[in-house]
Amino acid sequence: MLTIIGLLIIISIVTLLMMGKTSPIIAMSVIPLIGALVAGYSFTEISTFFFELGIKR
């Protein structure tokens, strides 16, 4: 299931950027957020991924 969601995220980002429908900042931040929510992660878990794993203090 996660593989399918990940592939859909990548395809969506590439498609939207190639068609010029959105800016890269929006495409690379909002679409993965929506994909994580669809995968069943909560906002708390997503923020934990971002702050503890993504940003090294």
Protein backbone atom coordinates (compact mmCIF):
# COMPACT_ATOMS: atom_id res chain seq x y z
CA MET A 1 0.00 0.00 0.00
CA LEU A 2 2.80 2.42 0.89
CA THR A 3 4.54 1.63 -2.38
CA ILE A 4 1.44 2.52 -4.38
CA ILE A 5 0.93 5.76 -2.44
CA GLY A 6 4.61 6.66 -2.92
CA LEU A 7 4.45 6.04 -6.65
CA LEU A 8 1.25 8.10 -6.93
CA ILE A 9 2.96 10.95 -5.07
CA ILE A 10 5.93 10.87 -7.45
CA ILE A 11 3.73 10.64 -10.54
CA SER A 12 1.53 13.49 -9.29
CA ILE A 13 4.49 15.76 -8.58
CA VAL A 14 6.16 15.09 -11.93
CA THR A 15 2.89 15.51 -13.84
CA LEU A 16 1.95 18.78 -12.16
CA LEU A 17 5.43 20.22 -12.64
CA MET A 18 5.66 19.15 -16.28
CA MET A 19 2.25 20.62 -17.06
CA GLY A 20 3.12 23.84 -15.26
CA LYS A 21 0.01 23.66 -13.09
CA THR A 22 1.78 24.46 -9.81
CA SER A 23 5.01 25.83 -8.40
CA PRO A 24 7.71 23.40 -7.26
CA ILE A 25 7.44 24.49 -3.62
CA ILE A 26 3.74 23.65 -3.48
CA ALA A 27 4.13 20.40 -5.40
CA MET A 28 6.95 19.11 -3.23
CA SER A 29 5.40 20.03 0.10
CA VAL A 30 1.62 19.70 -0.16
CA ILE A 31 1.36 16.55 -2.27
CA PRO A 32 3.60 14.43 0.04
CA LEU A 33 1.64 15.78 3.03
CA ILE A 34 -1.61 14.65 1.42
CA GLY A 35 -0.01 11.29 0.61
CA ALA A 36 1.08 10.82 4.22
CA LEU A 37 -2.43 11.60 5.43
CA VAL A 38 -3.89 9.11 2.95
CA ALA A 39 -1.38 6.51 4.19
CA GLY A 40 -2.85 6.89 7.66
CA TYR A 41 -0.31 9.08 9.42
CA SER A 42 -1.57 11.82 11.72
CA PHE A 43 -0.35 15.42 11.77
CA THR A 44 1.52 14.62 14.99
CA GLU A 45 3.41 11.74 13.39
CA ILE A 46 4.21 13.80 10.31
CA SER A 47 5.59 16.66 12.41
CA THR A 48 7.66 14.13 14.37
CA PHE A 49 9.13 12.81 11.11
CA PHE A 50 9.92 16.36 10.01
CA PHE A 51 11.43 17.74 13.20
CA GLU A 52 13.20 14.69 14.63
CA LEU A 53 14.27 12.91 11.46
CA GLY A 54 14.35 15.66 8.85
CA ILE A 55 15.95 18.55 10.70
CA LYS A 56 19.10 17.69 12.63
CA ARG A 57 19.60 19.92 15.64
